[in-house]
Amino acid sequence: MKLWYPALALVGAIACNNEITGLEPPSNPATETFAPALNVNIAQMTKLPSGTYIQDLTVGTGAEVVAKTDTVWVTYSVFLKDGKLIDSGTNTKFDLTGNLIRGFKAGIVGMKVGGERLLVIPSDQGYGSETQREPGTGKTRIPRQSTLVFRVTLLKLHTADSTPGTTT
């Protein structure tokens, strides 16, 4: 009988994993309230088939991000719905073929260089049920099932099979 104790302890530990037990449903930006400073008005935004919401704040005039675009350089800020800034970057290079959240990838398609866009990304297009923690401290940085709000300015892009003159 004592042989079963380690197995039962393992099952209990898995069942009590705070990443799964008591998991809230995925976020739904259409029913959420956003900090006024974020200037999010879901009713004025376009909902993509993926569930990500977009709104062009400034329409760019340069090359356009297409499905085949592999690299972008952006200035961005990302917030939680309560207005807390959780990340930002200036002239940051992102490999769109790499490990980026789906909502970000979907949300910048159609942007033109020089444009600024607001993205509201539901949790199932972001980090979902995974809590994101601060490196080193382990403190929660992004709670599970969080809606993310991005402000993105597209500075430059590269599309591998572009015709001459379209890579910016």
Protein backbone atom coordinates (compact mmCIF):
# COMPACT_ATOMS: atom_id res chain seq x y z
CA MET A 1 0.00 0.00 0.00
CA LYS A 2 2.91 2.37 0.70
CA LEU A 3 3.91 2.15 -2.97
CA TRP A 4 0.77 4.10 -3.90
CA TYR A 5 1.56 7.12 -1.71
CA PRO A 6 4.11 8.68 -4.12
CA ALA A 7 1.70 8.16 -7.02
CA LEU A 8 -1.16 9.75 -5.09
CA ALA A 9 1.06 12.65 -4.07
CA LEU A 10 2.00 13.22 -7.71
CA VAL A 11 -1.65 13.16 -8.82
CA GLY A 12 -2.51 15.60 -6.03
CA ALA A 13 0.31 17.95 -7.02
CA ILE A 14 -0.83 17.94 -10.63
CA ALA A 15 -4.44 18.58 -9.61
CA CYS A 16 -3.36 21.53 -7.46
CA ASN A 17 -1.21 23.14 -10.16
CA ASN A 18 -2.25 26.82 -10.05
CA GLU A 19 -1.85 27.09 -13.81
CA ILE A 20 -4.85 24.79 -14.40
CA THR A 21 -7.03 24.47 -11.29
CA GLY A 22 -9.66 27.20 -11.01
CA LEU A 23 -8.83 28.51 -14.46
CA GLU A 24 -11.02 31.40 -15.46
CA PRO A 25 -12.55 31.40 -18.94
CA PRO A 26 -10.59 33.15 -21.73
CA SER A 27 -10.92 36.92 -21.69
CA ASN A 28 -13.52 38.67 -23.81
CA PRO A 29 -12.57 42.28 -24.64
CA ALA A 30 -16.15 43.04 -25.75
CA THR A 31 -17.35 42.67 -22.15
CA GLU A 32 -14.38 44.19 -20.34
CA THR A 33 -13.70 47.65 -18.98
CA PHE A 34 -10.42 49.33 -19.89
CA ALA A 35 -8.51 52.06 -18.07
CA PRO A 36 -9.53 55.44 -19.54
CA ALA A 37 -5.88 56.30 -20.31
CA LEU A 38 -5.75 53.44 -22.84
CA ASN A 39 -8.44 55.10 -25.02
CA VAL A 40 -9.93 51.72 -25.93
CA ASN A 41 -13.42 51.82 -27.42
CA ILE A 42 -14.17 48.29 -28.61
CA ALA A 43 -17.28 49.49 -30.48
CA GLN A 44 -15.03 51.59 -32.77
CA MET A 45 -12.55 48.79 -33.44
CA THR A 46 -12.48 46.10 -36.12
CA LYS A 47 -12.69 42.54 -34.85
CA LEU A 48 -10.52 40.12 -36.82
CA PRO A 49 -11.66 36.50 -37.34
CA SER A 50 -9.09 35.48 -34.70
CA GLY A 51 -10.82 37.63 -32.07
CA THR A 52 -8.12 40.32 -31.97
CA TYR A 53 -9.42 43.89 -32.25
CA ILE A 54 -7.58 46.55 -34.27
CA GLN A 55 -7.88 50.29 -34.80
CA ASP A 56 -5.61 52.40 -36.98
CA LEU A 57 -4.68 55.57 -35.12
CA THR A 58 -2.50 56.75 -38.00
CA VAL A 59 -2.53 55.09 -41.42
CA GLY A 60 0.98 54.71 -42.78
CA THR A 61 2.04 55.42 -46.34
CA GLY A 62 4.88 52.93 -46.76
CA ALA A 63 5.09 49.22 -47.50
CA GLU A 64 2.36 47.00 -46.02
CA VAL A 65 2.72 44.01 -43.70
CA VAL A 66 1.41 40.94 -45.53
CA ALA A 67 1.14 37.31 -44.50
CA LYS A 68 4.58 36.64 -46.03
CA THR A 69 6.30 39.47 -44.13
CA ASP A 70 9.01 37.89 -42.00
CA THR A 71 10.47 40.78 -40.01
CA VAL A 72 9.18 44.08 -38.63
CA TRP A 73 10.77 46.89 -36.68
CA VAL A 74 8.34 48.64 -34.35
CA THR A 75 8.02 50.97 -31.43
CA TYR A 76 5.48 49.48 -29.05
CA SER A 77 3.94 49.59 -25.61
CA VAL A 78 1.85 46.80 -24.11
CA PHE A 79 -0.58 47.24 -21.24
CA LEU A 80 -2.97 45.20 -19.16
CA LYS A 81 -6.60 46.36 -19.30
CA ASP A 82 -6.14 48.23 -16.00
CA GLY A 83 -3.56 50.46 -17.72
CA LYS A 84 -0.46 48.86 -16.20
CA LEU A 85 2.49 49.08 -18.63
CA ILE A 86 4.08 45.64 -18.84
CA ASP A 87 6.53 46.07 -21.73
CA SER A 88 7.73 48.55 -24.32
CA GLY A 89 10.41 48.92 -26.92
CA THR A 90 11.78 51.38 -29.46
CA ASN A 91 12.93 50.29 -32.92
CA THR A 92 12.51 46.69 -31.82
CA LYS A 93 12.96 43.93 -34.39
CA PHE A 94 10.44 41.07 -34.34
CA ASP A 95 10.76 37.92 -36.41
CA LEU A 96 7.17 37.15 -37.40
CA THR A 97 8.11 33.56 -38.18
CA GLY A 98 9.29 33.16 -34.58
CA ASN A 99 7.61 32.67 -31.24
CA LEU A 100 5.31 35.69 -30.99
CA ILE A 101 1.78 35.71 -29.65
CA ARG A 102 -0.81 35.04 -32.34
CA GLY A 103 -2.79 38.21 -31.69
CA PHE A 104 0.23 40.41 -32.35
CA LYS A 105 1.02 38.64 -35.63
CA ALA A 106 -2.60 38.85 -36.82
CA GLY A 107 -3.01 42.41 -35.59
CA ILE A 108 -0.20 43.96 -37.60
CA VAL A 109 -1.07 42.39 -40.95
CA GLY A 110 -2.31 45.22 -43.15
CA MET A 111 -0.34 47.91 -41.31
CA LYS A 112 1.77 50.22 -43.45
CA VAL A 113 5.15 51.66 -42.53
CA GLY A 114 4.62 54.91 -40.66
CA GLY A 115 1.29 53.75 -39.24
CA GLU A 116 0.24 53.46 -35.63
CA ARG A 117 -2.28 50.85 -34.54
CA LEU A 118 -4.08 49.89 -31.35
CA LEU A 119 -4.44 46.14 -30.80
CA VAL A 120 -6.66 44.57 -28.16
CA ILE A 121 -5.71 40.92 -27.85
CA PRO A 122 -7.92 38.43 -25.99
CA SER A 123 -6.16 35.91 -23.79
CA ASP A 124 -6.62 33.01 -26.23
CA GLN A 125 -4.59 34.99 -28.79
CA GLY A 126 -2.04 36.04 -26.15
CA TYR A 127 -0.64 33.96 -23.31
CA GLY A 128 -3.88 32.12 -22.46
CA SER A 129 -3.74 30.06 -19.29
CA GLU A 130 -0.01 30.64 -18.78
CA THR A 131 1.02 33.19 -16.15
CA GLN A 132 4.05 35.16 -17.34
CA ARG A 133 6.57 35.77 -14.57
CA GLU A 134 9.42 38.21 -14.06
CA PRO A 135 12.79 36.56 -14.71
CA GLY A 136 14.71 36.08 -11.50
CA THR A 137 11.99 37.14 -9.05
CA GLY A 138 9.14 34.89 -10.19
CA LYS A 139 6.64 37.70 -9.57
CA THR A 140 3.59 37.67 -11.81
CA ARG A 141 4.10 39.96 -14.77
CA ILE A 142 1.05 39.00 -16.85
CA PRO A 143 -1.73 37.09 -15.07
CA ARG A 144 -3.25 34.13 -16.89
CA GLN A 145 -6.29 34.86 -19.10
CA SER A 146 -5.24 38.53 -19.49
CA THR A 147 -6.36 40.79 -22.30
CA LEU A 148 -3.40 42.71 -23.72
CA VAL A 149 -3.52 46.21 -25.22
CA PHE A 150 -0.73 47.13 -27.67
CA ARG A 151 0.11 50.48 -29.23
CA VAL A 152 2.33 49.74 -32.21
CA THR A 153 4.09 52.07 -34.64
CA LEU A 154 5.49 50.29 -37.69
CA LEU A 155 8.93 51.67 -38.56
CA LYS A 156 10.22 49.22 -41.15
CA LEU A 157 9.53 45.77 -42.54
CA HIS A 158 11.11 43.05 -44.61
CA THR A 159 9.31 40.56 -46.80
CA ALA A 160 11.70 37.91 -48.12
CA ASP A 161 10.18 37.52 -51.58
CA SER A 162 9.33 41.19 -52.13
CA THR A 163 9.76 42.74 -55.52
CA PRO A 164 12.51 45.37 -55.65
CA GLY A 165 11.56 48.60 -53.92
CA THR A 166 8.93 47.16 -51.58
CA THR A 167 11.24 46.21 -48.75
CA THR A 168 11.41 49.13 -46.40
